[in-house]
C-alpha cells in the first residue's frame, strides 16, 4: 500500500526516516504560518482567515504532491510572490486585494495550460547544464542568508546594506548555539540530527525568553472573509495583464530553480540525466496556485526548505504526506507550533546551505565560459533575494559571454530564446 500511495520501496526506503524527514521539512518552513498572515494583513485581508487559508492550501498542495507525484517536496504560498502581491500590487499600485487574488487565479490557470502543453519541460531543457549545477548552490546560499537574516545574525545597515548583528544575546545568540549543536550532531552521524537540533534549540530558547508558548489549542478562524473574493472588473486591463505575467514568470522560474536545485542535491536524476517526474511536480504546482487563489492565498510554489527533509533522508511521497499532516495538525495547535522561533529553524537553513553547495563542484571552474555565468547565477540569488533573478542573469550572461567569446555553438536554441525573453522583460 505504501508503494501504491507514495512510491515507497521496501528495502530501499525507511518509514521512520521518511516520517522524520517530513516533520523536519515542516518545522523548517513553519515560519510561513506567522509571516504570511502578517504580510497579507497589510493589504486589508483578515489575518485569521489568511492563517487558516495558508494552512489549508499548504496541506492540500503538499498532500497532492505526496499522492500524485509521490515526491518529497512541500508546497506553500511563496514569500516572493506574497511580497509582490502585498507591497507592489496592493500598496504601491493601489489595487485591492481582490484584484490581486484575481491575478493569482488567472496565473494559476495559465500555469496549468503551460504544464499540459509541455512548455515548462521545454524551458527546463533550455537551461544550460552549468547553470543547472549552479542553481542548487545558489539556493543553498539563499537559504543560509534567509536563516542568518531571520535570526538576527545579519541585520540591515544603511552604509553597507548588511552587517553583523548583536550575537551576544537574543535570537542571534540562540541561532549560533543551534548551529553548533546541529553541526556536532551531524559530524557525529546522529540520526535525525536536523530535527533534534531544531527541538533542542527551541527548548534552549525558553530560559532565554525567545521561545514563548502561549497555549496549545485554538479553534481555526473561518476563511469565509477571503474565500473566492475575486474582482473581474479589470481582467483585460494593461495592469492586470502585466501583473499576471509577472506572477507567472516568477512562479515558473522559482519552481524550476527549486526542483532542479533540490533534485541535484538529492541525486534524483535518472541514468539519462533527466527528471522523469518533473511534469507531475509541475502539474501539482499549477493546480495548487489555482486552488490557493480560491482560498484567498497568494501564488504557491515548491519550497526550498524541502531540502531539509531530503537531507534527512526523505525520498518518497511519505515525506510530503507527513509534512501535509503536520500542517493539518497545526491548524488546531497553532500556538504550540508557532512557539518554534526563527532562531531555532535558522541553524538548519544555514547548514542546508552548506550541504547544497555540493552541486557547484560539477561546474568546470577552469572554463570561464561556464564558471562566470554559474557564479552570476549563484551570487544573484541571495543578493537579489530571488531564485528567479539568479536564473535570469545566469542564462543571459551564459548566452552573451559564449556568443561574444566565439563559443556561440555551445548555446542551444532554447537558451537564446530564454535570454531574449529575459532581456525583453527588463526593457518592457
Protein backbone atom coordinates (compact mmCIF):
# COMPACT_ATOMS: atom_id res chain seq x y z
CA UNK A 1 0.00 0.00 0.00
CA UNK A 2 2.87 2.39 0.80
CA UNK A 3 4.30 1.74 -2.66
CA UNK A 4 0.97 2.38 -4.34
CA UNK A 5 0.26 5.55 -2.39
CA UNK A 6 3.70 7.14 -2.03
CA UNK A 7 6.16 5.28 -4.28
CA UNK A 8 7.73 3.72 -1.18
CA UNK A 9 10.01 0.74 -1.89
CA UNK A 10 10.55 -1.74 0.91
CA UNK A 11 14.26 -2.40 1.37
CA UNK A 12 15.18 0.91 -0.27
CA UNK A 13 13.26 3.35 1.89
CA UNK A 14 12.66 3.52 5.63
CA UNK A 15 9.33 4.55 7.19
CA UNK A 16 10.91 6.19 10.23
CA UNK A 17 13.34 8.15 8.07
CA UNK A 18 10.57 9.37 5.74
CA UNK A 19 8.40 10.49 8.67
CA UNK A 20 11.24 12.31 10.41
CA UNK A 21 12.13 13.95 7.11
CA UNK A 22 8.56 15.16 6.69
CA UNK A 23 8.46 16.61 10.20
CA UNK A 24 11.82 18.29 9.62
CA UNK A 25 10.59 19.91 6.40
CA UNK A 26 7.51 21.18 8.21
CA UNK A 27 9.47 22.67 11.09
CA UNK A 28 11.88 24.47 8.76
CA UNK A 29 9.01 26.08 6.85
CA UNK A 30 6.59 26.58 9.77
CA UNK A 31 7.62 30.24 9.85
CA UNK A 32 5.27 30.81 6.94
CA UNK A 33 2.32 30.36 9.30
CA UNK A 34 3.38 33.59 11.02
CA UNK A 35 4.90 35.54 8.14
CA UNK A 36 2.18 35.01 5.51
CA UNK A 37 -0.74 36.37 7.60
CA UNK A 38 1.32 39.35 8.78
CA UNK A 39 2.20 40.40 5.23
CA UNK A 40 -1.24 39.81 3.75
CA UNK A 41 -2.90 41.69 6.62
CA UNK A 42 -1.28 44.88 5.30
CA UNK A 43 -3.47 44.62 2.20
CA UNK A 44 -6.62 44.70 4.32
CA UNK A 45 -7.19 40.93 4.40
CA UNK A 46 -8.39 39.26 7.59
CA UNK A 47 -5.30 37.93 9.38
CA UNK A 48 -7.03 34.95 10.99
CA UNK A 49 -8.61 33.92 7.69
CA UNK A 50 -5.22 34.17 5.97
CA UNK A 51 -3.68 31.91 8.63
CA UNK A 52 -6.30 29.22 8.04
CA UNK A 53 -6.01 29.64 4.28
CA UNK A 54 -2.23 29.26 4.46
CA UNK A 55 -2.54 26.04 6.44
CA UNK A 56 -5.21 24.55 4.20
CA UNK A 57 -3.57 25.30 0.84
CA UNK A 58 -0.17 24.14 2.13
CA UNK A 59 -1.70 20.89 3.36
CA UNK A 60 -3.71 20.36 0.17
CA UNK A 61 -0.83 21.09 -2.20
CA UNK A 62 1.71 19.05 -0.28
CA UNK A 63 -0.72 16.15 0.03
CA UNK A 64 -1.29 16.27 -3.72
CA UNK A 65 2.48 16.16 -4.21
CA UNK A 66 2.59 13.06 -1.99
CA UNK A 67 -0.23 11.10 -3.60
CA UNK A 68 0.02 12.14 -7.25
CA UNK A 69 3.68 12.98 -7.85
CA UNK A 70 4.93 10.78 -4.96
CA UNK A 71 7.77 13.21 -4.29
CA UNK A 72 9.22 14.56 -1.01
CA UNK A 73 8.57 18.22 -1.87
CA UNK A 74 6.42 20.62 0.13
CA UNK A 75 4.34 23.40 -1.41
CA UNK A 76 3.08 26.56 0.27
CA UNK A 77 2.48 30.24 -0.57
CA UNK A 78 5.80 31.60 -1.79
CA UNK A 79 7.38 34.54 0.03
CA UNK A 80 8.47 36.28 -3.18
CA UNK A 81 5.00 36.25 -4.79
CA UNK A 82 3.44 37.20 -1.44
CA UNK A 83 5.66 40.26 -1.15
CA UNK A 84 4.82 41.23 -4.74
CA UNK A 85 1.11 40.69 -4.03
CA UNK A 86 1.10 42.92 -0.96
CA UNK A 87 3.77 45.56 -1.42
CA UNK A 88 3.65 46.06 -5.19
CA UNK A 89 0.14 45.27 -6.44
CA UNK A 90 -1.85 46.40 -3.40
CA UNK A 91 0.27 49.01 -1.64
CA UNK A 92 2.44 50.56 -4.37
CA UNK A 93 -0.04 50.26 -7.28
CA UNK A 94 -3.10 50.85 -5.12
CA UNK A 95 -5.19 47.87 -6.22
CA UNK A 96 -7.45 45.91 -3.89
CA UNK A 97 -6.50 42.51 -2.59
CA UNK A 98 -9.49 41.14 -4.51
CA UNK A 99 -7.88 42.41 -7.73
CA UNK A 100 -4.58 40.76 -6.75
CA UNK A 101 -6.32 37.46 -5.97
CA UNK A 102 -7.93 37.54 -9.43
CA UNK A 103 -4.46 37.91 -10.95
CA UNK A 104 -3.26 34.89 -8.96
CA UNK A 105 -6.24 32.86 -10.20
CA UNK A 106 -5.54 33.74 -13.85
CA UNK A 107 -1.84 32.98 -13.37
CA UNK A 108 -2.72 29.57 -11.99
CA UNK A 109 -4.93 28.77 -14.96
CA UNK A 110 -2.20 29.80 -17.41
CA UNK A 111 0.20 27.69 -15.38
CA UNK A 112 -1.99 24.63 -15.92
CA UNK A 113 -2.10 25.26 -19.68
CA UNK A 114 1.68 25.56 -19.84
CA UNK A 115 2.06 22.29 -17.97
CA UNK A 116 -0.37 20.43 -20.25
CA UNK A 117 1.45 21.76 -23.32
CA UNK A 118 4.84 20.56 -22.01
CA UNK A 119 6.22 24.10 -22.46
CA UNK A 120 7.61 24.10 -18.92
CA UNK A 121 9.64 20.98 -19.67
CA UNK A 122 10.99 22.65 -22.81
CA UNK A 123 12.05 25.61 -20.71
CA UNK A 124 13.83 23.23 -18.33
CA UNK A 125 15.72 21.62 -21.21
CA UNK A 126 16.78 25.07 -22.45
CA UNK A 127 18.72 25.92 -19.30
CA UNK A 128 22.48 25.28 -19.80
CA UNK A 129 23.98 22.40 -17.81
CA UNK A 130 26.39 24.70 -15.97
CA UNK A 131 23.54 26.91 -14.82
CA UNK A 132 21.60 23.85 -13.65
CA UNK A 133 24.55 22.83 -11.48
CA UNK A 134 24.82 26.35 -10.12
CA UNK A 135 21.16 26.62 -9.19
CA UNK A 136 21.47 24.22 -6.25
CA UNK A 137 24.43 26.12 -4.82
CA UNK A 138 22.64 29.42 -5.30
CA UNK A 139 19.59 28.15 -3.47
CA UNK A 140 21.88 26.92 -0.71
CA UNK A 141 23.34 30.41 -0.23
CA UNK A 142 19.85 31.87 -0.44
CA UNK A 143 18.54 29.56 2.28
CA UNK A 144 21.54 30.29 4.51
CA UNK A 145 21.12 34.02 4.01
CA UNK A 146 17.43 33.83 4.94
CA UNK A 147 18.35 31.91 8.10
CA UNK A 148 21.03 34.40 9.10
CA UNK A 149 18.70 37.33 8.45
CA UNK A 150 15.62 35.91 10.17
CA UNK A 151 17.61 35.11 13.32
CA UNK A 152 19.29 38.50 13.54
CA UNK A 153 22.83 37.25 12.96
CA UNK A 154 22.82 39.54 9.92
CA UNK A 155 20.99 42.86 10.14
CA UNK A 156 20.30 45.75 7.80
CA UNK A 157 22.86 48.54 7.54
CA UNK A 158 22.42 51.95 5.92
CA UNK A 159 26.07 52.13 4.92
CA UNK A 160 26.86 48.57 3.84
CA UNK A 161 23.36 47.09 3.28
CA UNK A 162 24.07 44.30 5.78
CA UNK A 163 26.25 43.90 8.86
CA UNK A 164 26.75 41.59 11.84
CA UNK A 165 24.01 41.81 14.45
CA UNK A 166 24.38 41.51 18.20
CA UNK A 167 25.50 37.90 18.54
CA UNK A 168 25.96 38.09 22.32
CA UNK A 169 22.27 37.90 23.17
CA UNK A 170 18.78 37.23 21.88
CA UNK A 171 17.85 35.38 18.70
CA UNK A 172 21.28 35.74 17.11
CA UNK A 173 22.96 34.03 20.06
CA UNK A 174 20.34 31.26 20.07
CA UNK A 175 20.89 30.75 16.34
CA UNK A 176 24.65 30.33 16.77
CA UNK A 177 24.07 27.90 19.64
CA UNK A 178 21.72 25.96 17.36
CA UNK A 179 24.29 25.90 14.55
CA UNK A 180 26.87 24.49 16.97
CA UNK A 181 24.52 21.83 18.36
CA UNK A 182 23.26 20.73 14.94
CA UNK A 183 26.75 20.71 13.43
CA UNK A 184 28.10 18.48 16.19
CA UNK A 185 25.16 16.09 15.77
CA UNK A 186 25.83 15.88 12.02
CA UNK A 187 29.56 15.35 12.47
CA UNK A 188 28.82 12.56 14.95
CA UNK A 189 26.40 10.99 12.42
CA UNK A 190 23.43 11.17 14.79
CA UNK A 191 20.24 10.02 13.09
CA UNK A 192 17.70 12.83 12.85
CA UNK A 193 20.34 15.46 13.56
CA UNK A 194 18.44 18.32 11.91
CA UNK A 195 15.16 17.63 13.72
CA UNK A 196 16.91 17.13 17.05
CA UNK A 197 18.77 20.38 16.51
CA UNK A 198 15.51 22.29 15.95
CA UNK A 199 13.87 20.82 19.07
CA UNK A 200 16.95 21.37 21.26
CA UNK A 201 17.37 24.96 20.11
CA UNK A 202 13.67 25.65 20.71
CA UNK A 203 13.94 24.33 24.30
CA UNK A 204 17.07 26.39 24.97
CA UNK A 205 15.13 29.41 23.80
CA UNK A 206 12.67 29.09 26.72
CA UNK A 207 15.03 30.30 29.51
CA UNK A 208 16.43 32.90 27.09
CA UNK A 209 12.94 34.33 26.71
CA UNK A 210 12.85 33.74 22.95
CA UNK A 211 10.63 30.66 22.84
CA UNK A 212 7.24 31.60 24.20
CA UNK A 213 4.47 29.02 24.35
CA UNK A 214 1.11 30.72 24.73
CA UNK A 215 -1.05 27.61 24.96
CA UNK A 216 -1.65 24.54 22.84
CA UNK A 217 -5.07 24.51 21.22
CA UNK A 218 -7.07 27.07 19.29
CA UNK A 219 -10.14 26.99 17.04
CA UNK A 220 -9.15 27.82 13.45
CA UNK A 221 -10.66 31.06 12.09
CA UNK A 222 -13.01 30.84 9.10
CA UNK A 223 -11.71 31.61 5.61
CA UNK A 224 -15.11 32.99 4.50
CA UNK A 225 -13.91 36.64 4.53
CA UNK A 226 -11.41 35.86 1.74
CA UNK A 227 -12.82 32.73 0.05
CA UNK A 228 -13.34 33.25 -3.73
CA UNK A 229 -13.36 37.02 -3.34
CA UNK A 230 -12.41 37.96 -6.91
CA UNK A 231 -12.70 41.19 -8.86
CA UNK A 232 -13.14 40.52 -12.59
CA UNK A 233 -13.96 44.13 -13.49
CA UNK A 234 -10.44 44.82 -14.80
CA UNK A 235 -9.47 41.46 -16.25
CA UNK A 236 -8.42 42.90 -19.61
CA UNK A 237 -6.66 45.98 -18.28
CA UNK A 238 -2.98 46.60 -19.06
CA UNK A 239 -2.01 46.38 -15.40
CA UNK A 240 -3.82 43.07 -14.93
CA UNK A 241 -2.03 41.54 -17.92
CA UNK A 242 1.32 42.77 -16.63
CA UNK A 243 0.70 41.54 -13.08
CA UNK A 244 -0.46 38.10 -14.26
CA UNK A 245 2.67 37.84 -16.42
CA UNK A 246 4.95 38.71 -13.50
CA UNK A 247 3.23 36.21 -11.18
CA UNK A 248 3.53 33.56 -13.91
CA UNK A 249 7.14 34.39 -14.68
CA UNK A 250 8.30 34.33 -11.05
CA UNK A 251 6.36 31.15 -10.29
CA UNK A 252 7.77 29.26 -13.29
CA UNK A 253 11.39 30.03 -12.57
CA UNK A 254 11.19 29.83 -8.79
CA UNK A 255 9.67 26.36 -9.14
CA UNK A 256 12.09 25.23 -11.84
CA UNK A 257 15.02 26.53 -9.82
CA UNK A 258 13.89 24.84 -6.62
CA UNK A 259 13.15 21.49 -8.27
CA UNK A 260 16.46 21.43 -10.16
CA UNK A 261 18.48 22.53 -7.15
CA UNK A 262 16.92 20.14 -4.65
CA UNK A 263 16.88 17.24 -7.13
CA UNK A 264 20.55 17.78 -7.91
CA UNK A 265 21.36 17.83 -4.22
CA UNK A 266 19.41 14.60 -3.62
CA UNK A 267 20.69 12.85 -6.79
CA UNK A 268 17.15 12.35 -8.11
CA UNK A 269 18.13 12.33 -11.79
CA UNK A 270 17.78 9.11 -13.80
CA UNK A 271 20.58 7.37 -15.74
CA UNK A 272 19.99 9.70 -18.71
CA UNK A 273 20.42 12.79 -16.54
CA UNK A 274 16.70 13.58 -16.78
CA UNK A 275 13.99 14.26 -14.19
CA UNK A 276 11.25 11.79 -15.23
CA UNK A 277 8.88 13.01 -12.51
CA UNK A 278 9.14 16.72 -13.38
CA UNK A 279 5.82 17.01 -15.26
CA UNK A 280 3.84 15.68 -12.31
CA UNK A 281 5.59 18.10 -9.97
CA UNK A 282 4.77 20.96 -12.34
CA UNK A 283 1.13 19.87 -12.52
CA UNK A 284 0.80 19.83 -8.74
CA UNK A 285 2.32 23.29 -8.53
CA UNK A 286 -0.02 24.68 -11.19
CA UNK A 287 -3.17 23.20 -9.66
CA UNK A 288 -2.15 24.41 -6.21
CA UNK A 289 -1.77 28.02 -7.35
CA UNK A 290 -5.28 27.96 -8.82
CA UNK A 291 -6.90 26.37 -5.76
CA UNK A 292 -4.88 28.64 -3.50
CA UNK A 293 -6.34 31.74 -5.17
CA UNK A 294 -9.82 30.42 -4.43
CA UNK A 295 -8.84 30.00 -0.77
CA UNK A 296 -7.53 33.54 -0.60
CA UNK A 297 -3.83 32.77 -0.90
CA UNK A 298 -1.03 34.28 -2.95
CA UNK A 299 0.80 32.14 -5.52
CA UNK A 300 2.07 28.83 -4.19
CA UNK A 301 5.42 27.31 -5.07
CA UNK A 302 7.64 24.38 -4.19
CA UNK A 303 9.55 25.37 -1.06
CA UNK A 304 13.33 25.31 -0.96
CA UNK A 305 13.01 24.17 2.65
CA UNK A 306 12.10 20.76 1.22
CA UNK A 307 15.87 20.30 1.07
CA UNK A 308 15.89 19.95 4.86
CA UNK A 309 13.69 16.84 4.75
CA UNK A 310 15.54 15.43 1.74
CA UNK A 311 18.84 15.87 3.55
CA UNK A 312 17.23 13.96 6.43
CA UNK A 313 16.70 11.05 4.01
CA UNK A 314 13.22 11.71 2.61
CA UNK A 315 12.82 10.37 -0.93
CA UNK A 316 9.15 9.41 -1.39
CA UNK A 317 5.67 10.83 -1.09
CA UNK A 318 5.54 9.59 2.50
CA UNK A 319 7.78 12.53 3.43
CA UNK A 320 5.46 15.13 1.90
CA UNK A 321 2.43 13.28 3.27
CA UNK A 322 3.90 13.67 6.75
CA UNK A 323 4.55 17.37 6.12
CA UNK A 324 0.95 17.84 4.93
CA UNK A 325 -0.32 16.04 8.03
CA UNK A 326 1.74 18.37 10.22
CA UNK A 327 0.08 21.34 8.54
CA UNK A 328 -3.36 19.90 9.26
CA UNK A 329 -2.44 19.37 12.91
CA UNK A 330 -1.03 22.89 13.05
CA UNK A 331 -4.44 24.37 12.27
CA UNK A 332 -5.57 23.24 15.74
CA UNK A 333 -2.23 23.59 17.52
CA UNK A 334 -1.23 26.95 16.13
CA UNK A 335 0.02 28.41 19.46
CA UNK A 336 2.28 25.39 20.02
CA UNK A 337 3.77 25.23 16.54
CA UNK A 338 4.22 28.98 16.38
CA UNK A 339 6.37 28.72 19.51
CA UNK A 340 9.25 27.41 17.36
CA UNK A 341 11.20 30.65 16.83
CA UNK A 342 13.01 31.64 13.66
CA UNK A 343 16.25 31.35 15.62
CA UNK A 344 15.58 27.60 16.03
CA UNK A 345 14.93 26.86 12.35
CA UNK A 346 17.66 29.20 11.08
CA UNK A 347 20.54 26.84 12.08
CA UNK A 348 19.08 24.09 9.89
CA UNK A 349 18.68 26.51 6.98
CA UNK A 350 22.31 27.59 7.34
CA UNK A 351 23.61 24.02 7.43
CA UNK A 352 21.41 23.02 4.49
CA UNK A 353 23.04 25.90 2.63
CA UNK A 354 26.42 24.29 3.22
CA UNK A 355 25.18 20.92 2.04
CA UNK A 356 23.65 22.30 -1.15
CA UNK A 357 26.92 23.92 -2.22
CA UNK A 358 27.97 20.40 -3.21
CA UNK A 359 26.36 20.74 -6.64
CA UNK A 360 28.69 23.59 -7.61
CA UNK A 361 31.66 21.22 -7.77
CA UNK A 362 30.22 19.90 -11.06
CA UNK A 363 30.90 23.29 -12.66
CA UNK A 364 34.17 23.45 -14.63
CA UNK A 365 35.81 26.41 -12.88
CA UNK A 366 38.71 26.42 -15.35
CA UNK A 367 36.34 27.12 -18.25
CA UNK A 368 35.33 30.74 -17.70
CA UNK A 369 32.56 30.50 -20.29
CA UNK A 370 30.93 28.11 -17.80
CA UNK A 371 32.16 29.34 -14.42
CA UNK A 372 31.39 33.06 -14.80
CA UNK A 373 27.69 32.56 -15.70
CA UNK A 374 27.43 29.91 -12.98
CA UNK A 375 28.87 32.31 -10.41
CA UNK A 376 26.50 35.05 -11.57
CA UNK A 377 23.58 32.64 -11.08
CA UNK A 378 24.75 31.73 -7.57
CA UNK A 379 25.52 35.20 -6.28
CA UNK A 380 22.39 36.90 -7.66
CA UNK A 381 20.02 34.62 -5.74
CA UNK A 382 20.87 35.74 -2.19
CA UNK A 383 21.84 39.31 -3.15
CA UNK A 384 18.60 39.99 -5.05
CA UNK A 385 16.56 37.77 -2.70
CA UNK A 386 15.19 35.82 -5.64
CA UNK A 387 15.80 32.39 -7.16
CA UNK A 388 14.33 33.50 -10.47
CA UNK A 389 16.67 36.51 -10.71
CA UNK A 390 19.64 34.20 -10.30
CA UNK A 391 18.45 32.01 -13.18
CA UNK A 392 17.64 35.03 -15.35
CA UNK A 393 21.04 36.66 -15.05
CA UNK A 394 22.81 33.31 -15.20
CA UNK A 395 21.19 32.44 -18.53
CA UNK A 396 21.66 35.93 -20.00
CA UNK A 397 25.35 36.02 -19.04
CA UNK A 398 25.86 32.48 -20.37
CA UNK A 399 24.42 33.34 -23.78
CA UNK A 400 26.14 36.72 -24.12
CA UNK A 401 29.57 35.57 -22.88
CA UNK A 402 29.61 32.48 -25.10
CA UNK A 403 28.29 34.35 -28.14
CA UNK A 404 30.83 37.18 -27.87
CA UNK A 405 33.57 34.77 -26.81
CA UNK A 406 33.28 32.90 -30.12
CA UNK A 407 31.69 29.90 -28.45
CA UNK A 408 28.22 30.54 -29.79
CA UNK A 409 27.95 26.91 -30.94
CA UNK A 410 27.58 25.89 -27.28
CA UNK A 411 24.36 27.85 -26.93
CA UNK A 412 21.22 25.90 -27.84
CA UNK A 413 18.17 27.48 -29.43
CA UNK A 414 16.18 27.32 -26.20
CA UNK A 415 18.84 29.28 -24.30
CA UNK A 416 18.78 32.00 -26.98
CA UNK A 417 15.01 32.27 -26.71
CA UNK A 418 15.13 32.44 -22.91
CA UNK A 419 17.85 35.09 -22.92
CA UNK A 420 15.92 37.27 -25.38
CA UNK A 421 12.71 36.96 -23.33
CA UNK A 422 14.60 37.79 -20.13
CA UNK A 423 16.12 40.89 -21.70
CA UNK A 424 12.72 41.99 -23.04
CA UNK A 425 11.33 41.58 -19.53
CA UNK A 426 13.65 44.32 -18.26
CA UNK A 427 13.16 46.56 -21.29
CA UNK A 428 9.37 46.38 -21.21
